[in-house]
N, C-alpha and C. Protein backbone atom coordinates (compact mmCIF):
# COMPACT_ATOMS: atom_id res chain seq x y z
N MET A 1 67.86 181.43 -28.06
CA MET A 1 67.13 180.30 -28.57
C MET A 1 65.89 180.01 -27.72
N LEU A 2 66.00 180.18 -26.41
CA LEU A 2 64.84 179.98 -25.56
C LEU A 2 63.72 180.94 -25.92
N GLU A 3 64.10 182.19 -26.21
CA GLU A 3 63.09 183.19 -26.57
C GLU A 3 62.34 182.77 -27.84
N GLN A 4 63.03 182.14 -28.78
CA GLN A 4 62.38 181.70 -30.02
C GLN A 4 61.46 180.51 -29.77
N ALA A 5 61.81 179.67 -28.82
CA ALA A 5 61.01 178.48 -28.53
C ALA A 5 59.74 178.83 -27.75
N PHE A 6 59.82 179.88 -26.94
CA PHE A 6 58.69 180.25 -26.07
C PHE A 6 58.27 181.67 -26.38
N THR A 7 57.46 181.83 -27.42
CA THR A 7 57.08 183.16 -27.88
C THR A 7 55.88 183.74 -27.13
N GLU A 8 55.09 182.91 -26.50
CA GLU A 8 53.95 183.41 -25.73
C GLU A 8 54.47 184.09 -24.46
N LYS A 9 53.63 184.94 -23.88
CA LYS A 9 54.06 185.65 -22.68
C LYS A 9 54.10 184.76 -21.46
N HIS A 10 53.15 183.83 -21.39
CA HIS A 10 53.07 183.02 -20.17
C HIS A 10 52.57 181.61 -20.48
N TYR A 11 53.12 180.65 -19.78
CA TYR A 11 52.77 179.23 -19.96
C TYR A 11 52.40 178.63 -18.60
N GLU A 12 51.41 179.20 -17.97
CA GLU A 12 51.01 178.75 -16.63
C GLU A 12 50.77 177.25 -16.60
N ASN A 13 51.24 176.60 -15.54
CA ASN A 13 51.05 175.16 -15.30
C ASN A 13 51.75 174.26 -16.31
N THR A 14 52.78 174.76 -16.98
CA THR A 14 53.56 173.95 -17.92
C THR A 14 54.80 173.43 -17.21
N ILE A 15 55.10 172.16 -17.42
CA ILE A 15 56.30 171.55 -16.86
C ILE A 15 57.22 171.19 -18.02
N LEU A 16 58.48 171.59 -17.93
CA LEU A 16 59.47 171.28 -18.97
C LEU A 16 60.49 170.32 -18.37
N HIS A 17 60.49 169.09 -18.87
CA HIS A 17 61.36 168.04 -18.33
C HIS A 17 62.63 167.92 -19.16
N SER A 18 63.75 167.76 -18.49
CA SER A 18 65.04 167.60 -19.17
C SER A 18 65.92 166.65 -18.37
N ASP A 19 67.07 166.33 -18.96
CA ASP A 19 68.07 165.60 -18.20
C ASP A 19 68.86 166.61 -17.37
N GLN A 20 69.98 166.19 -16.80
CA GLN A 20 70.74 167.10 -15.95
C GLN A 20 71.94 167.71 -16.67
N GLY A 21 71.80 167.94 -17.97
CA GLY A 21 72.86 168.60 -18.73
C GLY A 21 73.17 169.96 -18.13
N TRP A 22 74.43 170.40 -18.31
CA TRP A 22 74.86 171.65 -17.68
C TRP A 22 73.99 172.83 -18.10
N GLN A 23 73.51 172.83 -19.36
CA GLN A 23 72.71 173.96 -19.83
C GLN A 23 71.38 174.06 -19.10
N TYR A 24 70.88 172.93 -18.59
CA TYR A 24 69.61 172.93 -17.87
C TYR A 24 69.78 173.25 -16.39
N GLN A 25 71.01 173.32 -15.93
CA GLN A 25 71.28 173.66 -14.54
C GLN A 25 71.65 175.13 -14.37
N HIS A 26 71.82 175.82 -15.47
CA HIS A 26 72.26 177.21 -15.45
C HIS A 26 71.18 178.12 -14.87
N ASP A 27 71.58 179.13 -14.08
CA ASP A 27 70.63 180.06 -13.46
C ASP A 27 69.77 180.78 -14.50
N PHE A 28 70.38 181.19 -15.61
CA PHE A 28 69.61 181.91 -16.64
C PHE A 28 68.44 181.06 -17.13
N TYR A 29 68.68 179.78 -17.35
CA TYR A 29 67.64 178.87 -17.83
C TYR A 29 66.47 178.83 -16.85
N HIS A 30 66.78 178.66 -15.57
CA HIS A 30 65.72 178.58 -14.55
C HIS A 30 64.99 179.91 -14.40
N GLN A 31 65.70 181.02 -14.46
CA GLN A 31 65.07 182.33 -14.36
C GLN A 31 64.14 182.58 -15.56
N PHE A 32 64.60 182.18 -16.74
CA PHE A 32 63.77 182.35 -17.94
C PHE A 32 62.48 181.54 -17.81
N LEU A 33 62.59 180.27 -17.44
CA LEU A 33 61.40 179.43 -17.30
C LEU A 33 60.45 180.02 -16.27
N GLU A 34 60.99 180.45 -15.15
CA GLU A 34 60.16 181.03 -14.09
C GLU A 34 59.43 182.28 -14.60
N SER A 35 60.10 183.10 -15.40
CA SER A 35 59.48 184.32 -15.93
C SER A 35 58.30 184.00 -16.86
N LYS A 36 58.28 182.80 -17.43
CA LYS A 36 57.21 182.38 -18.33
C LYS A 36 56.15 181.53 -17.61
N GLY A 37 56.34 181.27 -16.33
CA GLY A 37 55.40 180.44 -15.59
C GLY A 37 55.61 178.95 -15.81
N ILE A 38 56.81 178.58 -16.24
CA ILE A 38 57.13 177.18 -16.54
C ILE A 38 57.91 176.58 -15.38
N GLN A 39 57.52 175.39 -14.97
CA GLN A 39 58.23 174.69 -13.90
C GLN A 39 59.25 173.74 -14.51
N ALA A 40 60.50 173.87 -14.08
CA ALA A 40 61.56 172.97 -14.57
C ALA A 40 61.47 171.64 -13.83
N SER A 41 61.70 170.57 -14.55
CA SER A 41 61.75 169.22 -13.98
C SER A 41 62.96 168.52 -14.58
N MET A 42 63.70 167.81 -13.75
CA MET A 42 64.90 167.10 -14.23
C MET A 42 64.87 165.65 -13.82
N SER A 43 65.44 164.82 -14.69
CA SER A 43 65.65 163.41 -14.35
C SER A 43 66.61 163.35 -13.17
N ARG A 44 66.50 162.29 -12.39
CA ARG A 44 67.47 162.10 -11.32
C ARG A 44 68.83 161.81 -11.92
N LYS A 45 69.86 162.25 -11.26
CA LYS A 45 71.22 162.07 -11.77
C LYS A 45 71.53 160.58 -11.97
N GLY A 46 72.03 160.26 -13.15
CA GLY A 46 72.44 158.89 -13.45
C GLY A 46 71.29 157.91 -13.55
N ASN A 47 70.06 158.41 -13.76
CA ASN A 47 68.90 157.53 -13.80
C ASN A 47 68.13 157.75 -15.11
N SER A 48 68.68 157.22 -16.19
CA SER A 48 68.06 157.44 -17.50
C SER A 48 66.63 156.90 -17.62
N PRO A 49 66.21 155.89 -16.84
CA PRO A 49 64.81 155.46 -16.97
C PRO A 49 63.79 156.56 -16.68
N ASP A 50 64.21 157.62 -15.95
CA ASP A 50 63.29 158.73 -15.70
C ASP A 50 62.81 159.35 -17.01
N ASN A 51 63.63 159.29 -18.02
CA ASN A 51 63.31 159.91 -19.30
C ASN A 51 63.35 158.88 -20.43
N GLY A 52 63.11 157.64 -20.09
CA GLY A 52 63.27 156.54 -21.03
C GLY A 52 62.45 156.64 -22.29
N MET A 53 61.19 157.07 -22.17
CA MET A 53 60.34 157.14 -23.37
C MET A 53 60.89 158.15 -24.37
N MET A 54 61.33 159.30 -23.89
CA MET A 54 61.86 160.31 -24.82
C MET A 54 63.21 159.88 -25.38
N GLU A 55 64.04 159.25 -24.55
CA GLU A 55 65.33 158.75 -25.05
C GLU A 55 65.08 157.74 -26.17
N SER A 56 64.10 156.87 -25.98
CA SER A 56 63.76 155.87 -26.99
C SER A 56 63.26 156.55 -28.27
N PHE A 57 62.35 157.51 -28.12
CA PHE A 57 61.82 158.22 -29.28
C PHE A 57 62.93 158.88 -30.08
N PHE A 58 63.83 159.61 -29.41
CA PHE A 58 64.89 160.31 -30.14
C PHE A 58 65.86 159.33 -30.79
N GLY A 59 66.08 158.18 -30.15
CA GLY A 59 66.91 157.15 -30.78
C GLY A 59 66.28 156.64 -32.07
N ILE A 60 64.97 156.40 -32.04
CA ILE A 60 64.25 155.95 -33.23
C ILE A 60 64.27 157.04 -34.30
N LEU A 61 63.99 158.28 -33.90
CA LEU A 61 64.01 159.39 -34.85
C LEU A 61 65.36 159.49 -35.55
N LYS A 62 66.44 159.45 -34.77
CA LYS A 62 67.78 159.56 -35.37
C LYS A 62 68.06 158.39 -36.30
N SER A 63 67.69 157.18 -35.89
CA SER A 63 68.00 156.03 -36.74
C SER A 63 67.15 156.03 -38.00
N GLU A 64 65.91 156.47 -37.94
CA GLU A 64 65.04 156.46 -39.11
C GLU A 64 65.20 157.68 -40.00
N MET A 65 65.68 158.78 -39.45
CA MET A 65 65.84 160.00 -40.25
C MET A 65 67.25 160.23 -40.76
N PHE A 66 68.25 159.77 -40.02
CA PHE A 66 69.61 160.19 -40.33
C PHE A 66 70.59 159.05 -40.57
N TYR A 67 70.65 158.06 -39.70
CA TYR A 67 71.68 157.03 -39.81
C TYR A 67 71.50 156.21 -41.08
N GLY A 68 72.55 156.15 -41.89
CA GLY A 68 72.50 155.38 -43.12
C GLY A 68 71.89 156.13 -44.29
N TYR A 69 71.49 157.36 -44.07
CA TYR A 69 70.91 158.18 -45.14
C TYR A 69 71.82 159.36 -45.40
N GLU A 70 71.92 159.74 -46.62
CA GLU A 70 72.76 160.88 -46.99
C GLU A 70 71.89 162.12 -47.14
N LYS A 71 71.08 162.40 -46.15
CA LYS A 71 70.20 163.57 -46.21
C LYS A 71 70.98 164.81 -45.80
N THR A 72 70.76 165.86 -46.53
CA THR A 72 71.30 167.15 -46.13
C THR A 72 70.15 168.15 -46.13
N PHE A 73 70.24 169.11 -45.27
CA PHE A 73 69.21 170.13 -45.17
C PHE A 73 69.85 171.47 -45.49
N LYS A 74 69.21 172.23 -46.34
CA LYS A 74 69.77 173.50 -46.80
C LYS A 74 69.59 174.63 -45.80
N SER A 75 68.70 174.43 -44.85
CA SER A 75 68.46 175.48 -43.86
C SER A 75 67.93 174.85 -42.58
N LEU A 76 67.98 175.61 -41.53
CA LEU A 76 67.43 175.17 -40.25
C LEU A 76 65.93 174.97 -40.38
N ASN A 77 65.26 175.83 -41.14
CA ASN A 77 63.82 175.69 -41.35
C ASN A 77 63.48 174.38 -42.05
N GLN A 78 64.30 173.98 -43.01
CA GLN A 78 64.08 172.72 -43.72
C GLN A 78 64.25 171.53 -42.77
N LEU A 79 65.26 171.57 -41.92
CA LEU A 79 65.45 170.52 -40.91
C LEU A 79 64.28 170.49 -39.94
N GLU A 80 63.86 171.67 -39.47
CA GLU A 80 62.74 171.75 -38.54
C GLU A 80 61.48 171.15 -39.15
N GLN A 81 61.20 171.45 -40.42
CA GLN A 81 60.02 170.90 -41.07
C GLN A 81 60.12 169.39 -41.23
N ALA A 82 61.31 168.89 -41.51
CA ALA A 82 61.51 167.44 -41.63
C ALA A 82 61.23 166.76 -40.29
N ILE A 83 61.63 167.37 -39.19
CA ILE A 83 61.37 166.80 -37.86
C ILE A 83 59.88 166.85 -37.55
N VAL A 84 59.23 167.97 -37.85
CA VAL A 84 57.78 168.09 -37.64
C VAL A 84 57.05 167.01 -38.45
N ASP A 85 57.46 166.82 -39.70
CA ASP A 85 56.83 165.79 -40.54
C ASP A 85 57.07 164.39 -39.97
N TYR A 86 58.27 164.14 -39.44
CA TYR A 86 58.56 162.83 -38.87
C TYR A 86 57.70 162.58 -37.63
N ILE A 87 57.56 163.59 -36.78
CA ILE A 87 56.74 163.43 -35.57
C ILE A 87 55.29 163.12 -35.95
N ASP A 88 54.79 163.79 -36.98
CA ASP A 88 53.43 163.49 -37.46
C ASP A 88 53.35 162.05 -37.95
N TYR A 89 54.33 161.63 -38.73
CA TYR A 89 54.39 160.24 -39.21
C TYR A 89 54.44 159.26 -38.03
N TYR A 90 55.31 159.53 -37.07
CA TYR A 90 55.49 158.65 -35.92
C TYR A 90 54.19 158.50 -35.13
N ASN A 91 53.51 159.60 -34.90
CA ASN A 91 52.29 159.57 -34.09
C ASN A 91 51.07 159.02 -34.83
N ASN A 92 50.98 159.28 -36.13
CA ASN A 92 49.75 158.97 -36.85
C ASN A 92 49.83 157.80 -37.82
N LYS A 93 51.02 157.45 -38.30
CA LYS A 93 51.11 156.42 -39.34
C LYS A 93 52.01 155.24 -38.98
N ARG A 94 53.03 155.47 -38.19
CA ARG A 94 54.02 154.42 -37.89
C ARG A 94 53.41 153.43 -36.88
N ILE A 95 53.22 152.19 -37.31
CA ILE A 95 52.61 151.20 -36.41
C ILE A 95 53.67 150.61 -35.48
N LYS A 96 53.20 150.17 -34.32
CA LYS A 96 54.08 149.55 -33.33
C LYS A 96 53.48 148.22 -32.91
N VAL A 97 54.30 147.20 -32.88
CA VAL A 97 53.83 145.86 -32.50
C VAL A 97 53.24 145.89 -31.09
N LYS A 98 53.93 146.57 -30.15
CA LYS A 98 53.42 146.56 -28.77
C LYS A 98 52.14 147.37 -28.60
N LEU A 99 51.73 148.11 -29.64
CA LEU A 99 50.44 148.80 -29.62
C LEU A 99 49.43 148.06 -30.49
N LYS A 100 49.64 146.75 -30.60
CA LYS A 100 48.73 145.86 -31.34
C LYS A 100 48.61 146.25 -32.82
N GLY A 101 49.74 146.68 -33.40
CA GLY A 101 49.76 147.02 -34.82
C GLY A 101 49.13 148.35 -35.17
N LEU A 102 48.93 149.20 -34.16
CA LEU A 102 48.34 150.52 -34.39
C LEU A 102 49.39 151.60 -34.22
N SER A 103 49.09 152.78 -34.75
CA SER A 103 49.95 153.94 -34.48
C SER A 103 49.62 154.43 -33.06
N PRO A 104 50.48 155.25 -32.46
CA PRO A 104 50.17 155.77 -31.12
C PRO A 104 48.82 156.49 -31.05
N VAL A 105 48.49 157.31 -32.04
CA VAL A 105 47.21 158.03 -32.02
C VAL A 105 46.05 157.06 -32.17
N GLN A 106 46.16 156.09 -33.07
CA GLN A 106 45.09 155.09 -33.23
C GLN A 106 44.88 154.31 -31.94
N TYR A 107 45.97 153.92 -31.31
CA TYR A 107 45.88 153.14 -30.08
C TYR A 107 45.22 153.96 -28.97
N ARG A 108 45.65 155.19 -28.84
CA ARG A 108 45.09 156.04 -27.78
C ARG A 108 43.61 156.31 -28.03
N THR A 109 43.25 156.57 -29.27
CA THR A 109 41.84 156.82 -29.62
C THR A 109 41.00 155.59 -29.32
N LYS A 110 41.50 154.43 -29.67
CA LYS A 110 40.77 153.18 -29.42
C LYS A 110 40.66 152.89 -27.93
N SER A 111 41.73 153.17 -27.18
CA SER A 111 41.74 152.88 -25.74
C SER A 111 40.85 153.82 -24.95
N PHE A 112 40.84 155.10 -25.34
CA PHE A 112 40.11 156.09 -24.55
C PHE A 112 38.87 156.62 -25.27
N GLY A 113 38.64 156.16 -26.48
CA GLY A 113 37.55 156.70 -27.30
C GLY A 113 36.25 156.15 -26.96
């Protein structure tokens, strides 16, 4: 699965952040990342605020895409496309009160534009 996620030969200066799940502590995982030029980064043990923004995002994604909905996906590709579409919606169309009623992209463009 890692090979499918990282198809390029090298990802110099890329940092991949994860929690401390057993799969992310495995030697094979670290060797694979190193072979691609990727630096592994992990949250501190028992300190979920290290990854709070992503935990929040995935909670929202799950609640808006799956909980209370009887959606089924006929293939992994169909599920993957649904997630890609949701991320586009979340970044470009979904407004947030704490971003003054703007989407994340609108807010960032206005702030740094």
